[in-house]
Amino acid sequence: GREITMIKSVVSLERLPEQNIPEVSFVGQSNVGKSSLISALFNHSKDSPFIKIGKKPGLTKTLLFFEVKKLFTLVDMPGYGKKMPTYYMKSMHGYLKTRNVLCRSFLLVDSEMGLCDVDKEGLRMMEDLAKPYAIVLTKIDKPRRSVLLKNLLEVLDYINKHTHICFPQPFLVSSPSLSGIKYLQTFIAHTTGNLHLASKNTEQT
């Protein structure tokens, strides 16, 4: 697996780790599959000691900071929802607004459920903060193709009509089958400045 180490669990913004490497964050409703996706991205099994995966929604109660090969930091944020305490939202909002090393956030949406009101609230928050973000449709192995297509088109329509900061193309992923994982890995590498493409051009003197 890829070297990923949990470095801190944070509730209060005053205790954020001081990092000078790029950072990406994963945001989404409770039970959208955040922890499973992080495990899939970094080749860790469900019983990984690094990433706790639970059947109960909202297992992540704090901001969890993972360092990946000392190249960038990944932040697993508390799953939001109707029962989310106010201080969760404040810590999430404060982190997203003030974190200078944050390159991009990924807002996860359940592809079977489609965009719901809580997701739209999250999208409005991201737009208000004016920080770069992208949408990831999770669990694409679950819905029927017709349902997946309908929900994908709804997301694309929402991006087109209601967003200015959002990356125009959502990522479609399945953690169990690893479908779409390579694309997302490559995008994260590009976002954090860790994608080094071989160039045919020789340096000009």
N, C-alpha and C. Protein backbone atom coordinates (compact mmCIF):
# COMPACT_ATOMS: atom_id res chain seq x y z
N GLY A 1 0.82 -1.20 0.00
CA GLY A 1 0.00 0.00 0.00
C GLY A 1 0.86 1.25 0.00
N ARG A 2 0.23 2.38 -0.23
CA ARG A 2 0.95 3.65 -0.22
C ARG A 2 1.17 4.08 1.22
N GLU A 3 2.25 4.77 1.47
CA GLU A 3 2.56 5.18 2.85
C GLU A 3 1.62 6.29 3.28
N ILE A 4 0.73 5.96 4.19
CA ILE A 4 -0.19 6.96 4.72
C ILE A 4 -0.21 6.83 6.23
N THR A 5 0.03 7.93 6.91
CA THR A 5 0.14 7.91 8.36
C THR A 5 -0.79 8.95 8.97
N MET A 6 -1.59 8.54 9.93
CA MET A 6 -2.44 9.51 10.61
C MET A 6 -1.58 10.34 11.55
N ILE A 7 -1.64 11.66 11.39
CA ILE A 7 -0.77 12.51 12.20
C ILE A 7 -1.50 13.28 13.28
N LYS A 8 -2.82 13.50 13.10
CA LYS A 8 -3.52 14.26 14.13
C LYS A 8 -5.03 14.11 13.99
N SER A 9 -5.71 14.18 15.13
CA SER A 9 -7.17 14.22 15.18
C SER A 9 -7.54 15.52 15.89
N VAL A 10 -8.34 16.36 15.22
CA VAL A 10 -8.54 17.72 15.72
C VAL A 10 -10.03 18.05 15.85
N VAL A 11 -10.39 18.66 16.98
CA VAL A 11 -11.74 19.20 17.15
C VAL A 11 -11.68 20.72 17.07
N SER A 12 -10.70 21.30 17.77
CA SER A 12 -10.57 22.76 17.84
C SER A 12 -9.62 23.28 16.77
N LEU A 13 -10.00 24.39 16.15
CA LEU A 13 -9.17 24.99 15.09
C LEU A 13 -7.81 25.43 15.60
N GLU A 14 -7.73 25.73 16.90
CA GLU A 14 -6.45 26.17 17.47
C GLU A 14 -5.42 25.04 17.45
N ARG A 15 -5.89 23.81 17.28
CA ARG A 15 -4.98 22.67 17.36
C ARG A 15 -4.65 22.06 16.00
N LEU A 16 -4.93 22.79 14.93
CA LEU A 16 -4.59 22.29 13.59
C LEU A 16 -3.08 22.09 13.48
N PRO A 17 -2.65 21.00 12.84
CA PRO A 17 -1.21 20.79 12.68
C PRO A 17 -0.60 21.85 11.77
N GLU A 18 0.60 22.28 12.09
CA GLU A 18 1.29 23.26 11.23
C GLU A 18 1.98 22.50 10.11
N GLN A 19 1.44 22.64 8.92
CA GLN A 19 1.95 21.91 7.76
C GLN A 19 2.41 22.90 6.70
N ASN A 20 3.44 22.54 5.97
CA ASN A 20 3.84 23.39 4.84
C ASN A 20 3.83 22.59 3.54
N ILE A 21 3.10 21.45 3.56
CA ILE A 21 2.92 20.67 2.33
C ILE A 21 1.46 20.79 1.90
N PRO A 22 1.17 20.56 0.60
CA PRO A 22 -0.20 20.73 0.11
C PRO A 22 -1.20 19.84 0.86
N GLU A 23 -2.44 20.29 0.88
CA GLU A 23 -3.48 19.57 1.62
C GLU A 23 -4.73 19.43 0.76
N VAL A 24 -5.40 18.30 0.85
CA VAL A 24 -6.72 18.12 0.23
C VAL A 24 -7.68 17.64 1.32
N SER A 25 -8.95 18.00 1.20
CA SER A 25 -9.91 17.57 2.22
C SER A 25 -11.08 16.83 1.57
N PHE A 26 -11.63 15.89 2.31
CA PHE A 26 -12.79 15.12 1.87
C PHE A 26 -13.98 15.49 2.76
N VAL A 27 -15.03 15.97 2.12
CA VAL A 27 -16.22 16.47 2.81
C VAL A 27 -17.42 15.68 2.31
N GLY A 28 -18.39 15.42 3.17
CA GLY A 28 -19.59 14.73 2.69
C GLY A 28 -20.52 14.35 3.81
N GLN A 29 -21.72 13.95 3.41
CA GLN A 29 -22.70 13.49 4.39
C GLN A 29 -22.19 12.28 5.14
N SER A 30 -22.77 12.05 6.31
CA SER A 30 -22.49 10.82 7.05
C SER A 30 -22.89 9.62 6.17
N ASN A 31 -22.08 8.60 6.18
CA ASN A 31 -22.35 7.35 5.47
C ASN A 31 -22.29 7.47 3.94
N VAL A 32 -21.58 8.48 3.44
CA VAL A 32 -21.45 8.63 1.99
C VAL A 32 -20.30 7.77 1.45
N GLY A 33 -19.49 7.22 2.36
CA GLY A 33 -18.40 6.34 1.93
C GLY A 33 -17.04 7.01 1.92
N LYS A 34 -16.87 8.03 2.78
CA LYS A 34 -15.59 8.75 2.81
C LYS A 34 -14.42 7.86 3.20
N SER A 35 -14.56 7.18 4.33
CA SER A 35 -13.46 6.36 4.84
C SER A 35 -13.13 5.21 3.90
N SER A 36 -14.17 4.60 3.31
CA SER A 36 -13.94 3.52 2.34
C SER A 36 -13.18 4.03 1.12
N LEU A 37 -13.53 5.24 0.67
CA LEU A 37 -12.86 5.82 -0.49
C LEU A 37 -11.40 6.11 -0.18
N ILE A 38 -11.13 6.67 1.00
CA ILE A 38 -9.74 6.95 1.38
C ILE A 38 -8.94 5.66 1.43
N SER A 39 -9.55 4.60 1.97
CA SER A 39 -8.88 3.30 2.01
C SER A 39 -8.57 2.80 0.60
N ALA A 40 -9.55 2.95 -0.32
CA ALA A 40 -9.36 2.50 -1.70
C ALA A 40 -8.26 3.31 -2.40
N LEU A 41 -8.23 4.62 -2.15
CA LEU A 41 -7.23 5.48 -2.78
C LEU A 41 -5.81 5.10 -2.38
N PHE A 42 -5.67 4.61 -1.15
CA PHE A 42 -4.32 4.32 -0.65
C PHE A 42 -4.09 2.85 -0.37
N ASN A 43 -4.88 2.01 -1.07
CA ASN A 43 -4.67 0.56 -1.07
C ASN A 43 -4.67 -0.07 0.31
N HIS A 44 -5.49 0.44 1.21
CA HIS A 44 -5.58 -0.17 2.53
C HIS A 44 -6.88 -0.95 2.64
N SER A 45 -6.82 -2.10 3.27
CA SER A 45 -8.01 -2.92 3.44
C SER A 45 -8.91 -2.33 4.52
N LYS A 46 -10.11 -2.90 4.63
CA LYS A 46 -11.09 -2.38 5.59
C LYS A 46 -10.64 -2.52 7.03
N ASP A 47 -9.72 -3.47 7.29
CA ASP A 47 -9.25 -3.62 8.67
C ASP A 47 -7.95 -2.86 8.90
N SER A 48 -7.71 -1.87 8.05
CA SER A 48 -6.50 -1.05 8.18
C SER A 48 -6.45 -0.36 9.54
N PRO A 49 -5.26 -0.34 10.16
CA PRO A 49 -5.14 0.39 11.42
C PRO A 49 -5.15 1.90 11.23
N PHE A 50 -4.97 2.34 9.97
CA PHE A 50 -4.89 3.78 9.70
C PHE A 50 -6.26 4.43 9.62
N ILE A 51 -7.20 3.72 8.98
CA ILE A 51 -8.48 4.35 8.67
C ILE A 51 -9.61 3.51 9.25
N LYS A 52 -10.39 4.11 10.13
CA LYS A 52 -11.49 3.39 10.77
C LYS A 52 -12.73 3.51 9.89
N ILE A 53 -13.31 2.36 9.54
CA ILE A 53 -14.52 2.36 8.73
C ILE A 53 -15.65 1.77 9.56
N GLY A 54 -16.76 2.48 9.65
CA GLY A 54 -17.86 1.99 10.47
C GLY A 54 -19.15 1.92 9.69
N LYS A 55 -20.02 1.03 10.10
CA LYS A 55 -21.34 0.94 9.49
C LYS A 55 -22.25 2.06 9.99
N LYS A 56 -21.96 2.56 11.20
CA LYS A 56 -22.78 3.63 11.75
C LYS A 56 -22.42 4.95 11.09
N PRO A 57 -23.44 5.72 10.63
CA PRO A 57 -23.14 7.03 10.05
C PRO A 57 -22.47 7.93 11.06
N GLY A 58 -21.58 8.78 10.56
CA GLY A 58 -20.97 9.80 11.41
C GLY A 58 -19.90 9.27 12.33
N LEU A 59 -19.18 8.23 11.91
CA LEU A 59 -18.13 7.69 12.77
C LEU A 59 -17.01 8.71 12.95
N THR A 60 -16.70 9.46 11.88
CA THR A 60 -15.66 10.48 11.99
C THR A 60 -16.22 11.68 12.76
N LYS A 61 -15.70 11.91 13.96
CA LYS A 61 -16.21 12.99 14.81
C LYS A 61 -15.27 14.19 14.83
N THR A 62 -14.09 14.04 14.28
CA THR A 62 -13.10 15.11 14.31
C THR A 62 -12.49 15.26 12.92
N LEU A 63 -11.65 16.28 12.75
CA LEU A 63 -10.87 16.40 11.51
C LEU A 63 -9.68 15.46 11.64
N LEU A 64 -9.60 14.46 10.78
CA LEU A 64 -8.50 13.50 10.82
C LEU A 64 -7.48 13.86 9.76
N PHE A 65 -6.24 14.06 10.16
CA PHE A 65 -5.16 14.44 9.25
C PHE A 65 -4.27 13.25 8.95
N PHE A 66 -4.14 12.91 7.66
CA PHE A 66 -3.27 11.83 7.22
C PHE A 66 -2.16 12.39 6.33
N GLU A 67 -0.94 12.01 6.59
CA GLU A 67 0.17 12.44 5.74
C GLU A 67 0.49 11.31 4.76
N VAL A 68 0.58 11.65 3.48
CA VAL A 68 0.82 10.65 2.44
C VAL A 68 2.25 10.81 1.92
N LYS A 69 3.11 9.86 2.27
CA LYS A 69 4.51 9.83 1.83
C LYS A 69 5.23 11.16 2.02
N LYS A 70 4.78 11.94 2.99
CA LYS A 70 5.36 13.26 3.27
C LYS A 70 5.27 14.21 2.07
N LEU A 71 4.36 13.88 1.12
CA LEU A 71 4.18 14.71 -0.07
C LEU A 71 2.98 15.65 0.07
N PHE A 72 1.93 15.16 0.70
CA PHE A 72 0.76 16.00 0.93
C PHE A 72 -0.05 15.43 2.10
N THR A 73 -0.99 16.23 2.58
CA THR A 73 -1.84 15.82 3.69
C THR A 73 -3.27 15.67 3.19
N LEU A 74 -3.93 14.62 3.65
CA LEU A 74 -5.33 14.40 3.34
C LEU A 74 -6.13 14.56 4.63
N VAL A 75 -7.23 15.31 4.55
CA VAL A 75 -8.04 15.57 5.74
C VAL A 75 -9.42 14.95 5.57
N ASP A 76 -9.75 14.03 6.47
CA ASP A 76 -11.06 13.39 6.50
C ASP A 76 -11.91 14.19 7.48
N MET A 77 -12.94 14.86 6.94
CA MET A 77 -13.74 15.76 7.77
C MET A 77 -14.97 15.06 8.32
N PRO A 78 -15.52 15.55 9.44
CA PRO A 78 -16.71 14.91 10.02
C PRO A 78 -17.86 14.86 9.01
N GLY A 79 -18.55 13.73 8.94
CA GLY A 79 -19.71 13.63 8.06
C GLY A 79 -20.80 14.57 8.52
N TYR A 80 -21.31 15.39 7.60
CA TYR A 80 -22.34 16.33 8.02
C TYR A 80 -23.74 15.75 7.78
N GLY A 81 -24.71 16.30 8.48
CA GLY A 81 -26.09 15.83 8.36
C GLY A 81 -26.97 16.62 9.29
N LYS A 82 -28.24 16.23 9.34
CA LYS A 82 -29.21 16.98 10.14
C LYS A 82 -28.90 16.93 11.63
N LYS A 83 -28.30 15.82 12.09
CA LYS A 83 -28.02 15.67 13.52
C LYS A 83 -26.63 16.18 13.90
N MET A 84 -25.99 16.85 12.99
CA MET A 84 -24.62 17.31 13.24
C MET A 84 -24.60 18.46 14.24
N PRO A 85 -23.80 18.33 15.33
CA PRO A 85 -23.70 19.43 16.29
C PRO A 85 -23.17 20.70 15.64
N THR A 86 -23.57 21.85 16.16
CA THR A 86 -23.17 23.14 15.58
C THR A 86 -21.66 23.30 15.54
N TYR A 87 -20.97 22.80 16.58
CA TYR A 87 -19.52 23.01 16.61
C TYR A 87 -18.80 22.26 15.50
N TYR A 88 -19.41 21.14 14.99
CA TYR A 88 -18.82 20.44 13.84
C TYR A 88 -18.77 21.39 12.65
N MET A 89 -19.94 21.99 12.38
CA MET A 89 -20.06 22.86 11.20
C MET A 89 -19.11 24.05 11.33
N LYS A 90 -18.99 24.58 12.55
CA LYS A 90 -18.09 25.72 12.77
C LYS A 90 -16.64 25.33 12.51
N SER A 91 -16.24 24.15 13.01
CA SER A 91 -14.85 23.73 12.83
C SER A 91 -14.57 23.43 11.36
N MET A 92 -15.55 22.80 10.66
CA MET A 92 -15.39 22.53 9.23
C MET A 92 -15.27 23.83 8.44
N HIS A 93 -16.22 24.74 8.70
CA HIS A 93 -16.25 26.01 7.97
C HIS A 93 -14.97 26.81 8.24
N GLY A 94 -14.58 26.85 9.52
CA GLY A 94 -13.37 27.59 9.89
C GLY A 94 -12.13 27.02 9.24
N TYR A 95 -12.04 25.69 9.22
CA TYR A 95 -10.89 25.03 8.58
C TYR A 95 -10.85 25.36 7.09
N LEU A 96 -11.97 25.16 6.41
CA LEU A 96 -12.02 25.37 4.95
C LEU A 96 -11.72 26.83 4.59
N LYS A 97 -12.16 27.74 5.44
CA LYS A 97 -11.99 29.17 5.16
C LYS A 97 -10.56 29.65 5.38
N THR A 98 -9.91 29.13 6.42
CA THR A 98 -8.63 29.72 6.85
C THR A 98 -7.39 28.92 6.48
N ARG A 99 -7.56 27.69 6.03
CA ARG A 99 -6.39 26.82 5.81
C ARG A 99 -5.66 27.20 4.52
N ASN A 100 -4.50 27.81 4.65
CA ASN A 100 -3.76 28.32 3.48
C ASN A 100 -3.18 27.21 2.61
N VAL A 101 -2.82 26.07 3.22
CA VAL A 101 -2.19 25.00 2.43
C VAL A 101 -3.21 24.12 1.71
N LEU A 102 -4.51 24.40 1.92
CA LEU A 102 -5.56 23.59 1.29
C LEU A 102 -5.63 23.88 -0.20
N CYS A 103 -5.36 22.86 -1.02
CA CYS A 103 -5.37 23.03 -2.49
C CYS A 103 -6.76 22.82 -3.07
N ARG A 104 -7.44 21.78 -2.59
CA ARG A 104 -8.76 21.45 -3.13
C ARG A 104 -9.52 20.57 -2.15
N SER A 105 -10.83 20.77 -2.13
CA SER A 105 -11.70 19.90 -1.34
C SER A 105 -12.50 19.02 -2.29
N PHE A 106 -12.85 17.84 -1.81
CA PHE A 106 -13.67 16.91 -2.58
C PHE A 106 -14.96 16.68 -1.82
N LEU A 107 -16.08 17.08 -2.44
CA LEU A 107 -17.38 16.92 -1.80
C LEU A 107 -18.02 15.65 -2.34
N LEU A 108 -18.26 14.70 -1.45
CA LEU A 108 -18.75 13.39 -1.84
C LEU A 108 -20.27 13.34 -1.83
N VAL A 109 -20.83 12.74 -2.89
CA VAL A 109 -22.29 12.59 -3.02
C VAL A 109 -22.59 11.12 -3.32
N ASP A 110 -23.57 10.56 -2.63
CA ASP A 110 -23.98 9.17 -2.85
C ASP A 110 -24.68 9.06 -4.20
N SER A 111 -24.12 8.28 -5.12
CA SER A 111 -24.66 8.21 -6.49
C SER A 111 -26.02 7.54 -6.54
N GLU A 112 -26.34 6.74 -5.53
CA GLU A 112 -27.65 6.07 -5.50
C GLU A 112 -28.74 7.02 -5.02
N MET A 113 -28.38 7.89 -4.07
CA MET A 113 -29.35 8.84 -3.51
C MET A 113 -29.47 10.09 -4.38
N GLY A 114 -28.39 10.46 -5.07
CA GLY A 114 -28.39 11.70 -5.83
C GLY A 114 -28.21 12.91 -4.93
N LEU A 115 -28.27 14.08 -5.52
CA LEU A 115 -28.11 15.32 -4.75
C LEU A 115 -29.31 15.54 -3.84
N CYS A 116 -29.08 15.67 -2.55
CA CYS A 116 -30.19 15.98 -1.64
C CYS A 116 -29.96 17.37 -1.05
N ASP A 117 -30.89 17.82 -0.23
CA ASP A 117 -30.83 19.19 0.31
C ASP A 117 -29.55 19.43 1.10
N VAL A 118 -29.12 18.42 1.88
CA VAL A 118 -27.91 18.58 2.69
C VAL A 118 -26.68 18.73 1.80
N ASP A 119 -26.66 17.98 0.68
CA ASP A 119 -25.54 18.12 -0.27
C ASP A 119 -25.53 19.53 -0.87
N LYS A 120 -26.70 20.02 -1.23
CA LYS A 120 -26.79 21.35 -1.83
C LYS A 120 -26.34 22.43 -0.84
N GLU A 121 -26.64 22.18 0.44
CA GLU A 121 -26.18 23.09 1.49
C GLU A 121 -24.64 23.09 1.53
N GLY A 122 -24.07 21.90 1.44
CA GLY A 122 -22.61 21.77 1.41
C GLY A 122 -22.01 22.46 0.20
N LEU A 123 -22.67 22.33 -0.95
CA LEU A 123 -22.19 22.97 -2.17
C LEU A 123 -22.27 24.49 -2.07
N ARG A 124 -23.35 24.98 -1.46
CA ARG A 124 -23.48 26.43 -1.26
C ARG A 124 -22.37 26.95 -0.35
N MET A 125 -22.05 26.16 0.68
CA MET A 125 -20.98 26.54 1.60
C MET A 125 -19.65 26.63 0.84
N MET A 126 -19.38 25.64 -0.02
CA MET A 126 -18.13 25.64 -0.77
C MET A 126 -18.07 26.85 -1.71
N GLU A 127 -19.19 27.18 -2.33
CA GLU A 127 -19.23 28.34 -3.22
C GLU A 127 -19.01 29.64 -2.45
N ASP A 128 -19.63 29.74 -1.27
CA ASP A 128 -19.47 30.94 -0.44
C ASP A 128 -18.01 31.13 -0.02
N LEU A 129 -17.34 30.01 0.28
CA LEU A 129 -15.94 30.07 0.70
C LEU A 129 -15.01 30.39 -0.47
N ALA A 130 -15.49 30.11 -1.70
CA ALA A 130 -14.71 30.39 -2.92
C ALA A 130 -13.35 29.69 -2.92
N LYS A 131 -13.34 28.46 -2.41
CA LYS A 131 -12.12 27.64 -2.44
C LYS A 131 -12.32 26.51 -3.45
N PRO A 132 -11.29 26.16 -4.24
CA PRO A 132 -11.46 25.12 -5.27
C PRO A 132 -11.97 23.79 -4.70
N TYR A 133 -12.93 23.20 -5.40
CA TYR A 133 -13.43 21.89 -4.97
C TYR A 133 -13.96 21.11 -6.16
N ALA A 134 -14.16 19.82 -5.95
CA ALA A 134 -14.71 18.95 -6.99
C ALA A 134 -15.73 18.02 -6.34
N ILE A 135 -16.67 17.52 -7.13
CA ILE A 135 -17.67 16.58 -6.63
C ILE A 135 -17.23 15.15 -6.97
N VAL A 136 -17.40 14.25 -6.01
CA VAL A 136 -17.12 12.83 -6.24
C VAL A 136 -18.41 12.06 -5.99
N LEU A 137 -18.88 11.34 -7.02
CA LEU A 137 -20.05 10.48 -6.86
C LEU A 137 -19.57 9.11 -6.40
N THR A 138 -19.98 8.70 -5.20
CA THR A 138 -19.50 7.45 -4.62
C THR A 138 -20.50 6.31 -4.85
N LYS A 139 -20.04 5.09 -4.60
CA LYS A 139 -20.89 3.88 -4.63
C LYS A 139 -21.56 3.67 -5.98
N ILE A 140 -20.83 3.90 -7.08
CA ILE A 140 -21.46 3.80 -8.40
C ILE A 140 -21.80 2.36 -8.78
N ASP A 141 -21.35 1.40 -7.98
CA ASP A 141 -21.70 -0.01 -8.22
C ASP A 141 -23.09 -0.34 -7.67
N LYS A 142 -23.68 0.56 -6.87
CA LYS A 142 -24.95 0.26 -6.19
C LYS A 142 -26.21 0.51 -7.05
N PRO A 143 -26.37 1.71 -7.63
CA PRO A 143 -27.64 1.99 -8.33
C PRO A 143 -27.73 1.31 -9.70
N ARG A 144 -28.97 1.19 -10.20
CA ARG A 144 -29.16 0.75 -11.59
C ARG A 144 -28.56 1.82 -12.50
N ARG A 145 -28.19 1.41 -13.70
CA ARG A 145 -27.54 2.36 -14.64
C ARG A 145 -28.42 3.57 -14.92
N SER A 146 -29.73 3.33 -15.04
CA SER A 146 -30.66 4.43 -15.33
C SER A 146 -30.69 5.44 -14.18
N VAL A 147 -30.62 4.93 -12.95
CA VAL A 147 -30.62 5.80 -11.76
C VAL A 147 -29.31 6.57 -11.69
N LEU A 148 -28.21 5.87 -11.95
CA LEU A 148 -26.89 6.52 -11.94
C LEU A 148 -26.83 7.64 -12.97
N LEU A 149 -27.32 7.35 -14.18
CA LEU A 149 -27.31 8.36 -15.25
C LEU A 149 -28.16 9.56 -14.88
N LYS A 150 -29.35 9.30 -14.35
CA LYS A 150 -30.26 10.39 -13.93
C LYS A 150 -29.58 11.27 -12.88
N ASN A 151 -28.98 10.64 -11.88
CA ASN A 151 -28.34 11.40 -10.80
C ASN A 151 -27.09 12.13 -11.27
N LEU A 152 -26.35 11.52 -12.19
CA LEU A 152 -25.17 12.18 -12.77
C LEU A 152 -25.58 13.42 -13.55
N LEU A 153 -26.64 13.29 -14.37
CA LEU A 153 -27.11 14.43 -15.16
C LEU A 153 -27.60 15.56 -14.25
N GLU A 154 -28.22 15.19 -13.14
CA GLU A 154 -28.69 16.21 -12.18
C GLU A 154 -27.50 16.96 -11.57
N VAL A 155 -26.44 16.21 -11.24
CA VAL A 155 -25.23 16.84 -10.68
C VAL A 155 -24.60 17.77 -11.71
N LEU A 156 -24.48 17.31 -12.96
CA LEU A 156 -23.89 18.14 -14.02
C LEU A 156 -24.72 19.41 -14.24
N ASP A 157 -26.04 19.27 -14.20
CA ASP A 157 -26.93 20.41 -14.37
C ASP A 157 -26.74 21.41 -13.21
N TYR A 158 -26.61 20.87 -11.99
CA TYR A 158 -26.42 21.73 -10.82
C TYR A 158 -25.09 22.48 -10.92
N ILE A 159 -24.03 21.75 -11.31
CA ILE A 159 -22.70 22.38 -11.46
C ILE A 159 -22.79 23.53 -12.47
N ASN A 160 -23.46 23.27 -13.58
CA ASN A 160 -23.56 24.25 -14.66
C ASN A 160 -24.36 25.49 -14.25
N LYS A 161 -25.43 25.28 -13.50
CA LYS A 161 -26.34 26.39 -13.19
C LYS A 161 -26.04 27.12 -11.88
N HIS A 162 -25.45 26.41 -10.92
CA HIS A 162 -25.36 26.99 -9.57
C HIS A 162 -23.95 27.11 -9.01
N THR A 163 -22.93 26.73 -9.77
CA THR A 163 -21.58 26.82 -9.21
C THR A 163 -20.65 27.62 -10.13
N HIS A 164 -19.64 28.21 -9.51
CA HIS A 164 -18.61 28.95 -10.26
C HIS A 164 -17.22 28.42 -9.95
N ILE A 165 -17.08 27.81 -8.77
CA ILE A 165 -15.77 27.36 -8.28
C ILE A 165 -15.56 25.87 -8.53
N CYS A 166 -16.65 25.13 -8.65
CA CYS A 166 -16.59 23.67 -8.74
C CYS A 166 -15.89 23.19 -10.02
N PHE A 167 -15.05 22.15 -9.90
CA PHE A 167 -14.45 21.52 -11.07
C PHE A 167 -15.60 21.00 -11.94
N PRO A 168 -15.57 21.26 -13.27
CA PRO A 168 -16.74 20.98 -14.10
C PRO A 168 -17.11 19.50 -14.24
N GLN A 169 -16.16 18.61 -14.04
CA GLN A 169 -16.41 17.19 -14.25
C GLN A 169 -16.41 16.43 -12.92
N PRO A 170 -17.55 15.85 -12.51
CA PRO A 170 -17.53 15.05 -11.28
C PRO A 170 -16.77 13.74 -11.48
N PHE A 171 -16.21 13.21 -10.41
CA PHE A 171 -15.52 11.92 -10.46
C PHE A 171 -16.48 10.83 -10.02
N LEU A 172 -16.53 9.73 -10.76
CA LEU A 172 -17.41 8.60 -10.42
C LEU A 172 -16.55 7.46 -9.90
N VAL A 173 -16.82 7.02 -8.68
CA VAL A 173 -15.96 5.99 -8.08
C VAL A 173 -16.77 4.90 -7.37
N SER A 174 -16.14 3.74 -7.30
CA SER A 174 -16.64 2.64 -6.47
C SER A 174 -15.46 2.12 -5.67
N SER A 175 -15.56 2.19 -4.35
CA SER A 175 -14.45 1.74 -3.51
C SER A 175 -14.23 0.22 -3.57
N PRO A 176 -15.30 -0.62 -3.54
CA PRO A 176 -15.07 -2.07 -3.59
C PRO A 176 -14.41 -2.54 -4.89
N SER A 177 -14.86 -2.00 -6.04
CA SER A 177 -14.32 -2.46 -7.33
C SER A 177 -13.13 -1.62 -7.80
N LEU A 178 -12.86 -0.51 -7.10
CA LEU A 178 -11.80 0.45 -7.44
C LEU A 178 -12.06 1.18 -8.76
N SER A 179 -13.29 1.09 -9.26
CA SER A 179 -13.64 1.79 -10.49
C SER A 179 -13.51 3.30 -10.29
N GLY A 180 -12.80 3.96 -11.21
CA GLY A 180 -12.62 5.41 -11.15
C GLY A 180 -11.56 5.88 -10.18
N ILE A 181 -10.98 4.96 -9.41
CA ILE A 181 -10.01 5.34 -8.38
C ILE A 181 -8.74 5.92 -9.00
N LYS A 182 -8.27 5.32 -10.09
CA LYS A 182 -7.03 5.79 -10.74
C LYS A 182 -7.16 7.24 -11.21
N TYR A 183 -8.32 7.57 -11.79
CA TYR A 183 -8.55 8.95 -12.24
C TYR A 183 -8.46 9.93 -11.07
N LEU A 184 -9.09 9.56 -9.96
CA LEU A 184 -9.09 10.44 -8.79
C LEU A 184 -7.69 10.54 -8.19
N GLN A 185 -6.96 9.42 -8.15
CA GLN A 185 -5.57 9.45 -7.66
C GLN A 185 -4.72 10.41 -8.49
N THR A 186 -4.89 10.33 -9.82
CA THR A 186 -4.11 11.18 -10.73
C THR A 186 -4.45 12.65 -10.52
N PHE A 187 -5.75 12.93 -10.34
CA PHE A 187 -6.18 14.32 -10.14
C PHE A 187 -5.64 14.87 -8.82
N ILE A 188 -5.65 14.05 -7.78
CA ILE A 188 -5.10 14.48 -6.48
C ILE A 188 -3.60 14.74 -6.62
N ALA A 189 -2.90 13.86 -7.35
CA ALA A 189 -1.46 14.06 -7.58
C ALA A 189 -1.22 15.37 -8.32
N HIS A 190 -2.05 15.64 -9.33
CA HIS A 190 -1.93 16.89 -10.10
C HIS A 190 -2.21 18.10 -9.20
N THR A 191 -3.28 18.02 -8.43
CA THR A 191 -3.69 19.11 -7.54
C THR A 191 -2.62 19.47 -6.52
N THR A 192 -1.93 18.45 -6.00
CA THR A 192 -0.94 18.68 -4.94
C THR A 192 0.47 18.88 -5.49
N GLY A 193 0.58 18.95 -6.84
CA GLY A 193 1.89 19.19 -7.45
C GLY A 193 2.80 17.97 -7.45
N ASN A 194 2.19 16.78 -7.38
CA ASN A 194 2.98 15.55 -7.35
C ASN A 194 2.85 14.71 -8.60
N LEU A 195 2.26 15.29 -9.65
CA LEU A 195 2.14 14.57 -10.91
C LEU A 195 3.26 15.04 -11.83
N HIS A 196 4.19 14.16 -12.12
CA HIS A 196 5.34 14.53 -12.94
C HIS A 196 5.26 13.79 -14.27
N LEU A 197 4.81 14.49 -15.28
CA LEU A 197 4.65 13.89 -16.60
C LEU A 197 5.97 13.94 -17.36
N ALA A 198 6.26 12.86 -18.05
CA ALA A 198 7.48 12.83 -18.88
C ALA A 198 7.26 13.75 -20.07
N SER A 199 8.21 14.61 -20.31
CA SER A 199 8.08 15.56 -21.42
C SER A 199 9.03 15.18 -22.55
N LYS A 200 8.51 15.29 -23.78
CA LYS A 200 9.36 14.99 -24.94
C LYS A 200 10.22 16.19 -25.31
N ASN A 201 9.83 17.35 -24.79
CA ASN A 201 10.59 18.56 -25.13
C ASN A 201 11.92 18.58 -24.39
N THR A 202 12.95 18.92 -25.09
CA THR A 202 14.25 19.07 -24.41
C THR A 202 14.38 20.50 -23.93
N GLU A 203 15.13 20.69 -22.90
CA GLU A 203 15.30 22.04 -22.35
C GLU A 203 16.03 22.92 -23.35
N GLN A 204 15.54 24.12 -23.47
CA GLN A 204 16.16 25.07 -24.39
C GLN A 204 17.30 25.79 -23.67
N THR A 205 18.37 25.98 -24.36
CA THR A 205 19.50 26.69 -23.73
C THR A 205 19.48 28.14 -24.16
